[in-house]
């Protein structure tokens, strides 16, 4: 049972694959692949933009903290000049705390800057690959379209296309039916002439008429034979014909009987 199921599965997959091959258009597949690459490139660019935005935000915070640090240093100098060492110490303590934040932000800024450079380089490389794929895609599409058109033209000229094949089969069927009808008509004529079939039209000949036709045909043959003999003997063709009629009259007594009747 397991073997049967495996075989059925294989047959189904084979038929599905064949159906997909017939339905697949390489040009559509290439366009879809190119679209997916563009989407990936767009994501990378958005990533670069997000990293650059974060870096810029850190730079603004650094500038703000550095400005506060410079202000606290200036305040410490002024307090120390006024003899307020306690105020100067407080200002310098606050400045030291800000410097620690500045150091942390600078570290983050360097990390983001490195990530931004990596993503920018990756985006440039991906852009180059996408451009190369687009050029190759258009080349393949043009070649495929040209080959498809050439194949259709060749099929049209050679008459092997599906439409021409249907027309050729229709012509062949018409010729076969015509030949069959002609043969049937000829067979019916022969059967009617021989009397094997009854003529329902009322035009059938009786046995007397048939005998007269046979004798008339034989007379014509004998007359033609006598004429040819006379020509060969150098005699008069009219005498040969009259002699032939007399001979025929003697050879066919039944003919006189039919004439009297």
C-alpha atoms as a PDB file:
ATOM      1  CA  UNK A   1       0.000   0.000   0.000  1.00  0.00           C
ATOM      2  CA  UNK A   2       2.879   2.314   0.820  1.00  0.00           C
ATOM      3  CA  UNK A   3       4.452   1.594  -2.555  1.00  0.00           C
ATOM      4  CA  UNK A   4       1.200   2.391  -4.342  1.00  0.00           C
ATOM      5  CA  UNK A   5       0.862   5.697  -2.492  1.00  0.00           C
ATOM      6  CA  UNK A   6       4.449   6.632  -3.321  1.00  0.00           C
ATOM      7  CA  UNK A   7       3.865   5.834  -6.980  1.00  0.00           C
ATOM      8  CA  UNK A   8       0.657   7.871  -7.049  1.00  0.00           C
ATOM      9  CA  UNK A   9       2.468  10.758  -5.402  1.00  0.00           C
ATOM     10  CA  UNK A  10       5.264  10.573  -7.969  1.00  0.00           C
ATOM     11  CA  UNK A  11       2.779  10.505 -10.852  1.00  0.00           C
ATOM     12  CA  UNK A  12       0.897  13.473  -9.410  1.00  0.00           C
ATOM     13  CA  UNK A  13       4.093  15.483  -8.953  1.00  0.00           C
ATOM     14  CA  UNK A  14       5.250  14.627 -12.485  1.00  0.00           C
ATOM     15  CA  UNK A  15       1.954  15.706 -14.024  1.00  0.00           C
ATOM     16  CA  UNK A  16       1.850  18.855 -11.899  1.00  0.00           C
ATOM     17  CA  UNK A  17       5.401  19.704 -12.920  1.00  0.00           C
ATOM     18  CA  UNK A  18       4.523  19.201 -16.589  1.00  0.00           C
ATOM     19  CA  UNK A  19       1.451  21.398 -16.229  1.00  0.00           C
ATOM     20  CA  UNK A  20       3.540  24.097 -14.550  1.00  0.00           C
ATOM     21  CA  UNK A  21       6.103  23.923 -17.349  1.00  0.00           C
ATOM     22  CA  UNK A  22       3.364  24.535 -19.906  1.00  0.00           C
ATOM     23  CA  UNK A  23       1.885  27.396 -17.889  1.00  0.00           C
ATOM     24  CA  UNK A  24       5.195  29.050 -16.998  1.00  0.00           C
ATOM     25  CA  UNK A  25       6.372  31.985 -19.059  1.00  0.00           C
ATOM     26  CA  UNK A  26      10.129  32.610 -18.544  1.00  0.00           C
ATOM     27  CA  UNK A  27       9.618  36.315 -19.136  1.00  0.00           C
ATOM     28  CA  UNK A  28       7.105  36.568 -16.307  1.00  0.00           C
ATOM     29  CA  UNK A  29       9.418  34.596 -14.015  1.00  0.00           C
ATOM     30  CA  UNK A  30      12.320  36.932 -14.793  1.00  0.00           C
ATOM     31  CA  UNK A  31      10.180  40.003 -14.165  1.00  0.00           C
ATOM     32  CA  UNK A  32       9.037  38.565 -10.842  1.00  0.00           C
ATOM     33  CA  UNK A  33      12.624  37.814  -9.777  1.00  0.00           C
ATOM     34  CA  UNK A  34      13.670  41.323 -10.730  1.00  0.00           C
ATOM     35  CA  UNK A  35      10.783  42.768  -8.712  1.00  0.00           C
ATOM     36  CA  UNK A  36      11.826  40.759  -5.638  1.00  0.00           C
ATOM     37  CA  UNK A  37      15.400  42.002  -5.984  1.00  0.00           C
ATOM     38  CA  UNK A  38      14.168  45.582  -6.178  1.00  0.00           C
ATOM     39  CA  UNK A  39      12.159  45.030  -3.001  1.00  0.00           C
ATOM     40  CA  UNK A  40      15.252  43.636  -1.252  1.00  0.00           C
ATOM     41  CA  UNK A  41      17.309  46.592  -2.439  1.00  0.00           C
ATOM     42  CA  UNK A  42      14.656  48.957  -1.128  1.00  0.00           C
ATOM     43  CA  UNK A  43      14.811  47.270   2.290  1.00  0.00           C
ATOM     44  CA  UNK A  44      18.588  47.659   2.386  1.00  0.00           C
ATOM     45  CA  UNK A  45      18.282  51.321   1.478  1.00  0.00           C
ATOM     46  CA  UNK A  46      15.717  51.843   4.216  1.00  0.00           C
ATOM     47  CA  UNK A  47      18.120  50.171   6.626  1.00  0.00           C
ATOM     48  CA  UNK A  48      20.887  52.547   5.579  1.00  0.00           C
ATOM     49  CA  UNK A  49      18.534  55.480   6.011  1.00  0.00           C
ATOM     50  CA  UNK A  50      17.501  54.293   9.495  1.00  0.00           C
ATOM     51  CA  UNK A  51      21.119  53.880  10.596  1.00  0.00           C
ATOM     52  CA  UNK A  52      22.005  57.277   9.179  1.00  0.00           C
ATOM     53  CA  UNK A  53      19.059  58.814  11.034  1.00  0.00           C
ATOM     54  CA  UNK A  54      20.196  57.227  14.313  1.00  0.00           C
ATOM     55  CA  UNK A  55      23.737  58.443  13.719  1.00  0.00           C
ATOM     56  CA  UNK A  56      22.506  61.946  13.050  1.00  0.00           C
ATOM     57  CA  UNK A  57      20.427  61.870  16.254  1.00  0.00           C
ATOM     58  CA  UNK A  58      23.508  60.844  18.245  1.00  0.00           C
ATOM     59  CA  UNK A  59      25.480  63.646  16.681  1.00  0.00           C
ATOM     60  CA  UNK A  60      22.851  66.147  17.797  1.00  0.00           C
ATOM     61  CA  UNK A  61      22.925  64.738  21.339  1.00  0.00           C
ATOM     62  CA  UNK A  62      26.721  64.870  21.349  1.00  0.00           C
ATOM     63  CA  UNK A  63      26.689  68.472  20.245  1.00  0.00           C
ATOM     64  CA  UNK A  64      24.178  69.292  22.966  1.00  0.00           C
ATOM     65  CA  UNK A  65      26.175  67.497  25.683  1.00  0.00           C
ATOM     66  CA  UNK A  66      29.419  69.043  24.514  1.00  0.00           C
ATOM     67  CA  UNK A  67      27.773  72.444  24.676  1.00  0.00           C
ATOM     68  CA  UNK A  68      26.597  71.775  28.236  1.00  0.00           C
ATOM     69  CA  UNK A  69      30.042  70.508  29.176  1.00  0.00           C
ATOM     70  CA  UNK A  70      31.666  73.656  27.824  1.00  0.00           C
ATOM     71  CA  UNK A  71      29.119  75.775  29.732  1.00  0.00           C
ATOM     72  CA  UNK A  72      29.816  73.957  33.013  1.00  0.00           C
ATOM     73  CA  UNK A  73      33.544  74.385  32.520  1.00  0.00           C
ATOM     74  CA  UNK A  74      33.059  78.090  31.976  1.00  0.00           C
ATOM     75  CA  UNK A  75      30.868  78.307  35.083  1.00  0.00           C
ATOM     76  CA  UNK A  76      33.558  76.533  37.126  1.00  0.00           C
ATOM     77  CA  UNK A  77      36.168  78.998  35.919  1.00  0.00           C
ATOM     78  CA  UNK A  78      33.978  81.960  36.874  1.00  0.00           C
ATOM     79  CA  UNK A  79      33.130  80.472  40.325  1.00  0.00           C
ATOM     80  CA  UNK A  80      36.775  79.804  41.008  1.00  0.00           C
ATOM     81  CA  UNK A  81      37.658  83.370  39.977  1.00  0.00           C
ATOM     82  CA  UNK A  82      35.062  84.670  42.434  1.00  0.00           C
ATOM     83  CA  UNK A  83      36.472  82.548  45.212  1.00  0.00           C
ATOM     84  CA  UNK A  84      33.593  80.106  45.183  1.00  0.00           C
ATOM     85  CA  UNK A  85      35.521  76.906  45.090  1.00  0.00           C
ATOM     86  CA  UNK A  86      32.451  74.928  46.139  1.00  0.00           C
ATOM     87  CA  UNK A  87      30.524  76.142  43.091  1.00  0.00           C
ATOM     88  CA  UNK A  88      33.502  75.445  40.879  1.00  0.00           C
ATOM     89  CA  UNK A  89      33.727  71.900  42.253  1.00  0.00           C
ATOM     90  CA  UNK A  90      29.998  71.316  41.643  1.00  0.00           C
ATOM     91  CA  UNK A  91      30.261  72.581  38.083  1.00  0.00           C
ATOM     92  CA  UNK A  92      33.236  70.346  37.375  1.00  0.00           C
ATOM     93  CA  UNK A  93      31.430  67.332  38.895  1.00  0.00           C
ATOM     94  CA  UNK A  94      28.467  67.884  36.620  1.00  0.00           C
ATOM     95  CA  UNK A  95      30.844  68.318  33.680  1.00  0.00           C
ATOM     96  CA  UNK A  96      32.535  64.998  34.502  1.00  0.00           C
ATOM     97  CA  UNK A  97      29.140  63.221  34.457  1.00  0.00           C
ATOM     98  CA  UNK A  98      28.354  64.779  31.082  1.00  0.00           C
ATOM     99  CA  UNK A  99      31.728  63.708  29.747  1.00  0.00           C
ATOM    100  CA  UNK A 100      30.908  60.097  30.578  1.00  0.00           C
ATOM    101  CA  UNK A 101      27.700  60.414  28.576  1.00  0.00           C
ATOM    102  CA  UNK A 102      29.641  62.049  25.740  1.00  0.00           C
ATOM    103  CA  UNK A 103      32.097  59.152  25.729  1.00  0.00           C
ATOM    104  CA  UNK A 104      29.279  56.583  25.572  1.00  0.00           C
ATOM    105  CA  UNK A 105      27.554  58.486  22.769  1.00  0.00           C
ATOM    106  CA  UNK A 106      30.786  58.769  20.813  1.00  0.00           C
ATOM    107  CA  UNK A 107      31.239  54.986  21.085  1.00  0.00           C
ATOM    108  CA  UNK A 108      27.702  54.439  19.836  1.00  0.00           C
ATOM    109  CA  UNK A 109      28.272  56.994  17.106  1.00  0.00           C
ATOM    110  CA  UNK A 110      31.341  55.153  15.845  1.00  0.00           C
ATOM    111  CA  UNK A 111      29.452  51.838  15.885  1.00  0.00           C
ATOM    112  CA  UNK A 112      26.548  53.286  13.932  1.00  0.00           C
ATOM    113  CA  UNK A 113      28.902  54.949  11.508  1.00  0.00           C
ATOM    114  CA  UNK A 114      30.603  51.598  10.868  1.00  0.00           C
ATOM    115  CA  UNK A 115      27.231  49.897  10.325  1.00  0.00           C
ATOM    116  CA  UNK A 116      26.163  52.669   8.011  1.00  0.00           C
ATOM    117  CA  UNK A 117      29.288  52.248   5.908  1.00  0.00           C
ATOM    118  CA  UNK A 118      28.757  48.484   5.711  1.00  0.00           C
ATOM    119  CA  UNK A 119      25.116  48.855   4.703  1.00  0.00           C
ATOM    120  CA  UNK A 120      26.001  51.533   2.177  1.00  0.00           C
ATOM    121  CA  UNK A 121      28.607  49.254   0.592  1.00  0.00           C
ATOM    122  CA  UNK A 122      26.132  46.336   0.592  1.00  0.00           C
ATOM    123  CA  UNK A 123      23.488  48.538  -1.013  1.00  0.00           C
ATOM    124  CA  UNK A 124      25.936  49.597  -3.714  1.00  0.00           C
ATOM    125  CA  UNK A 125      26.910  45.999  -4.444  1.00  0.00           C
ATOM    126  CA  UNK A 126      23.288  44.896  -4.480  1.00  0.00           C
ATOM    127  CA  UNK A 127      22.428  47.791  -6.791  1.00  0.00           C
ATOM    128  CA  UNK A 128      25.163  46.656  -9.186  1.00  0.00           C
ATOM    129  CA  UNK A 129      23.824  43.084  -9.122  1.00  0.00           C
ATOM    130  CA  UNK A 130      20.262  44.263  -9.701  1.00  0.00           C
ATOM    131  CA  UNK A 131      21.368  46.408 -12.642  1.00  0.00           C
ATOM    132  CA  UNK A 132      23.307  43.481 -14.128  1.00  0.00           C
ATOM    133  CA  UNK A 133      20.326  41.175 -13.625  1.00  0.00           C
ATOM    134  CA  UNK A 134      18.012  43.699 -15.267  1.00  0.00           C
ATOM    135  CA  UNK A 135      20.277  43.888 -18.331  1.00  0.00           C
ATOM    136  CA  UNK A 136      20.507  40.114 -18.541  1.00  0.00           C
ATOM    137  CA  UNK A 137      16.767  39.794 -17.975  1.00  0.00           C
ATOM    138  CA  UNK A 138      15.926  42.089 -20.845  1.00  0.00           C
ATOM    139  CA  UNK A 139      18.406  40.268 -23.087  1.00  0.00           C
ATOM    140  CA  UNK A 140      16.893  36.879 -22.247  1.00  0.00           C
ATOM    141  CA  UNK A 141      13.355  38.211 -22.727  1.00  0.00           C
ATOM    142  CA  UNK A 142      14.235  39.674 -26.118  1.00  0.00           C
ATOM    143  CA  UNK A 143      15.911  36.427 -27.194  1.00  0.00           C
ATOM    144  CA  UNK A 144      12.968  34.345 -25.969  1.00  0.00           C
ATOM    145  CA  UNK A 145      10.450  36.573 -27.734  1.00  0.00           C
ATOM    146  CA  UNK A 146      12.451  36.421 -30.970  1.00  0.00           C
ATOM    147  CA  UNK A 147      12.749  32.629 -30.740  1.00  0.00           C
ATOM    148  CA  UNK A 148       9.018  32.329 -30.028  1.00  0.00           C
ATOM    149  CA  UNK A 149       8.154  34.518 -33.016  1.00  0.00           C
ATOM    150  CA  UNK A 150      10.535  32.581 -35.243  1.00  0.00           C
ATOM    151  CA  UNK A 151       8.986  29.298 -34.126  1.00  0.00           C
ATOM    152  CA  UNK A 152       5.476  30.546 -34.863  1.00  0.00           C
ATOM    153  CA  UNK A 153       6.526  31.800 -38.285  1.00  0.00           C
ATOM    154  CA  UNK A 154       8.200  28.477 -39.027  1.00  0.00           C
ATOM    155  CA  UNK A 155       5.110  26.581 -37.948  1.00  0.00           C
ATOM    156  CA  UNK A 156       2.930  28.804 -40.116  1.00  0.00           C
ATOM    157  CA  UNK A 157       5.121  28.203 -43.171  1.00  0.00           C
ATOM    158  CA  UNK A 158       5.492  24.479 -42.597  1.00  0.00           C
ATOM    159  CA  UNK A 159       1.821  24.008 -41.723  1.00  0.00           C
ATOM    160  CA  UNK A 160       2.535  22.144 -38.511  1.00  0.00           C
ATOM    161  CA  UNK A 161       0.871  24.589 -36.201  1.00  0.00           C
ATOM    162  CA  UNK A 162      -2.178  23.485 -34.259  1.00  0.00           C
ATOM    163  CA  UNK A 163      -4.572  25.498 -36.419  1.00  0.00           C
ATOM    164  CA  UNK A 164      -3.068  24.263 -39.686  1.00  0.00           C
ATOM    165  CA  UNK A 165      -3.090  20.745 -38.319  1.00  0.00           C
ATOM    166  CA  UNK A 166      -6.820  21.002 -37.623  1.00  0.00           C
ATOM    167  CA  UNK A 167      -7.442  22.389 -41.114  1.00  0.00           C
ATOM    168  CA  UNK A 168      -5.405  19.605 -42.686  1.00  0.00           C
ATOM    169  CA  UNK A 169      -7.324  16.972 -40.740  1.00  0.00           C
ATOM    170  CA  UNK A 170     -10.625  18.531 -41.824  1.00  0.00           C
ATOM    171  CA  UNK A 171      -9.512  18.469 -45.458  1.00  0.00           C
ATOM    172  CA  UNK A 172      -8.409  14.861 -45.132  1.00  0.00           C
ATOM    173  CA  UNK A 173     -11.751  13.876 -43.598  1.00  0.00           C
ATOM    174  CA  UNK A 174     -13.630  15.676 -46.383  1.00  0.00           C
ATOM    175  CA  UNK A 175     -11.562  13.891 -49.042  1.00  0.00           C
ATOM    176  CA  UNK A 176     -12.115  10.524 -47.373  1.00  0.00           C
ATOM    177  CA  UNK A 177     -15.879  11.090 -47.163  1.00  0.00           C
ATOM    178  CA  UNK A 178     -15.979  12.235 -50.781  1.00  0.00           C
ATOM    179  CA  UNK A 179     -14.105   9.147 -51.945  1.00  0.00           C
ATOM    180  CA  UNK A 180     -16.396   6.944 -49.841  1.00  0.00           C
ATOM    181  CA  UNK A 181     -19.529   8.540 -51.320  1.00  0.00           C
ATOM    182  CA  UNK A 182     -18.158   8.239 -54.862  1.00  0.00           C
ATOM    183  CA  UNK A 183     -17.362   4.559 -54.328  1.00  0.00           C
ATOM    184  CA  UNK A 184     -20.833   3.952 -52.871  1.00  0.00           C
ATOM    185  CA  UNK A 185     -22.509   5.746 -55.784  1.00  0.00           C
ATOM    186  CA  UNK A 186     -20.507   3.706 -58.298  1.00  0.00           C
ATOM    187  CA  UNK A 187     -21.367   0.459 -56.542  1.00  0.00           C
ATOM    188  CA  UNK A 188     -25.064   1.318 -56.498  1.00  0.00           C
ATOM    189  CA  UNK A 189     -24.988   2.141 -60.235  1.00  0.00           C
ATOM    190  CA  UNK A 190     -23.360  -1.197 -60.997  1.00  0.00           C
ATOM    191  CA  UNK A 191     -25.879  -3.072 -58.861  1.00  0.00           C
ATOM    192  CA  UNK A 192     -28.786  -1.271 -60.519  1.00  0.00           C
ATOM    193  CA  UNK A 193     -27.365  -1.969 -63.979  1.00  0.00           C
ATOM    194  CA  UNK A 194     -26.954  -5.658 -63.201  1.00  0.00           C
ATOM    195  CA  UNK A 195     -30.457  -5.901 -61.758  1.00  0.00           C
ATOM    196  CA  UNK A 196     -29.203  -6.927 -58.321  1.00  0.00           C
ATOM    197  CA  UNK A 197     -31.103  -3.981 -56.843  1.00  0.00           C
ATOM    198  CA  UNK A 198     -34.679  -3.016 -57.657  1.00  0.00           C
ATOM    199  CA  UNK A 199     -35.136   0.467 -59.078  1.00  0.00           C
ATOM    200  CA  UNK A 200     -37.915   2.030 -56.975  1.00  0.00           C
ATOM    201  CA  UNK A 201     -38.226   4.961 -59.402  1.00  0.00           C
ATOM    202  CA  UNK A 202     -40.068   2.853 -61.981  1.00  0.00           C
ATOM    203  CA  UNK A 203     -37.388   3.358 -64.595  1.00  0.00           C
ATOM    204  CA  UNK A 204     -36.013  -0.179 -64.427  1.00  0.00           C
ATOM    205  CA  UNK A 205     -35.699  -2.037 -67.737  1.00  0.00           C
ATOM    206  CA  UNK A 206     -37.457  -5.340 -68.363  1.00  0.00           C
ATOM    207  CA  UNK A 207     -35.748  -8.441 -69.704  1.00  0.00           C
ATOM    208  CA  UNK A 208     -36.776  -7.696 -73.314  1.00  0.00           C
ATOM    209  CA  UNK A 209     -35.277  -4.224 -73.252  1.00  0.00           C
ATOM    210  CA  UNK A 210     -32.128  -5.591 -71.681  1.00  0.00           C
ATOM    211  CA  UNK A 211     -31.859  -8.234 -74.421  1.00  0.00           C
ATOM    212  CA  UNK A 212     -32.405  -5.605 -77.136  1.00  0.00           C
ATOM    213  CA  UNK A 213     -29.681  -3.440 -75.645  1.00  0.00           C
ATOM    214  CA  UNK A 214     -27.332  -6.415 -75.559  1.00  0.00           C
ATOM    215  CA  UNK A 215     -28.058  -7.332 -79.197  1.00  0.00           C
ATOM    216  CA  UNK A 216     -27.726  -3.707 -80.273  1.00  0.00           C
ATOM    217  CA  UNK A 217     -24.385  -3.500 -78.585  1.00  0.00           C
ATOM    218  CA  UNK A 218     -23.249  -6.699 -80.286  1.00  0.00           C
ATOM    219  CA  UNK A 219     -24.468  -5.390 -83.690  1.00  0.00           C
ATOM    220  CA  UNK A 220     -22.458  -2.215 -83.293  1.00  0.00           C
ATOM    221  CA  UNK A 221     -19.371  -4.253 -82.554  1.00  0.00           C
ATOM    222  CA  UNK A 222     -19.908  -6.483 -85.579  1.00  0.00           C
ATOM    223  CA  UNK A 223     -20.466  -3.479 -87.857  1.00  0.00           C
ATOM    224  CA  UNK A 224     -17.292  -1.847 -86.617  1.00  0.00           C
ATOM    225  CA  UNK A 225     -15.400  -5.101 -87.147  1.00  0.00           C
ATOM    226  CA  UNK A 226     -16.692  -5.475 -90.731  1.00  0.00           C
ATOM    227  CA  UNK A 227     -15.788  -1.860 -91.498  1.00  0.00           C
ATOM    228  CA  UNK A 228     -12.252  -2.384 -90.333  1.00  0.00           C
ATOM    229  CA  UNK A 229     -11.957  -5.589 -92.405  1.00  0.00           C
ATOM    230  CA  UNK A 230     -13.208  -3.772 -95.481  1.00  0.00           C
ATOM    231  CA  UNK A 231     -10.693  -0.983 -95.009  1.00  0.00           C
ATOM    232  CA  UNK A 232      -7.882  -3.493 -94.683  1.00  0.00           C
ATOM    233  CA  UNK A 233      -9.039  -5.379 -97.792  1.00  0.00           C
ATOM    234  CA  UNK A 234      -9.301  -2.135 -99.747  1.00  0.00           C
ATOM    235  CA  UNK A 235     -12.983  -2.621-100.345  1.00  0.00           C
ATOM    236  CA  UNK A 236     -15.806  -0.194 -99.948  1.00  0.00           C
ATOM    237  CA  UNK A 237     -16.734   0.539 -96.374  1.00  0.00           C
ATOM    238  CA  UNK A 238     -20.416   0.832 -97.352  1.00  0.00           C
ATOM    239  CA  UNK A 239     -20.472  -2.683 -98.802  1.00  0.00           C
ATOM    240  CA  UNK A 240     -18.764  -4.004 -95.685  1.00  0.00           C
ATOM    241  CA  UNK A 241     -21.384  -2.365 -93.525  1.00  0.00           C
ATOM    242  CA  UNK A 242     -24.272  -3.783 -95.677  1.00  0.00           C
ATOM    243  CA  UNK A 243     -22.687  -7.210 -95.672  1.00  0.00           C
ATOM    244  CA  UNK A 244     -22.301  -7.016 -91.992  1.00  0.00           C
ATOM    245  CA  UNK A 245     -25.964  -6.113 -91.574  1.00  0.00           C
ATOM    246  CA  UNK A 246     -27.039  -9.096 -93.697  1.00  0.00           C
ATOM    247  CA  UNK A 247     -24.784 -11.403 -91.721  1.00  0.00           C
ATOM    248  CA  UNK A 248     -26.087 -10.017 -88.515  1.00  0.00           C
ATOM    249  CA  UNK A 249     -29.638 -10.536 -89.720  1.00  0.00           C
ATOM    250  CA  UNK A 250     -28.898 -14.174 -90.436  1.00  0.00           C
ATOM    251  CA  UNK A 251     -27.034 -14.659 -87.127  1.00  0.00           C
ATOM    252  CA  UNK A 252     -29.799 -13.058 -85.043  1.00  0.00           C
ATOM    253  CA  UNK A 253     -33.166 -14.559 -85.936  1.00  0.00           C
ATOM    254  CA  UNK A 254     -34.473 -13.554 -82.556  1.00  0.00           C
ATOM    255  CA  UNK A 255     -34.054  -9.934 -83.523  1.00  0.00           C
ATOM    256  CA  UNK A 256     -36.647 -10.349 -86.370  1.00  0.00           C
ATOM    257  CA  UNK A 257     -38.982 -12.032 -83.992  1.00  0.00           C
ATOM    258  CA  UNK A 258     -38.741  -9.121 -81.580  1.00  0.00           C
ATOM    259  CA  UNK A 259     -39.200  -6.631 -84.447  1.00  0.00           C
ATOM    260  CA  UNK A 260     -42.413  -8.363 -85.576  1.00  0.00           C
ATOM    261  CA  UNK A 261     -43.728  -8.342 -82.071  1.00  0.00           C
END
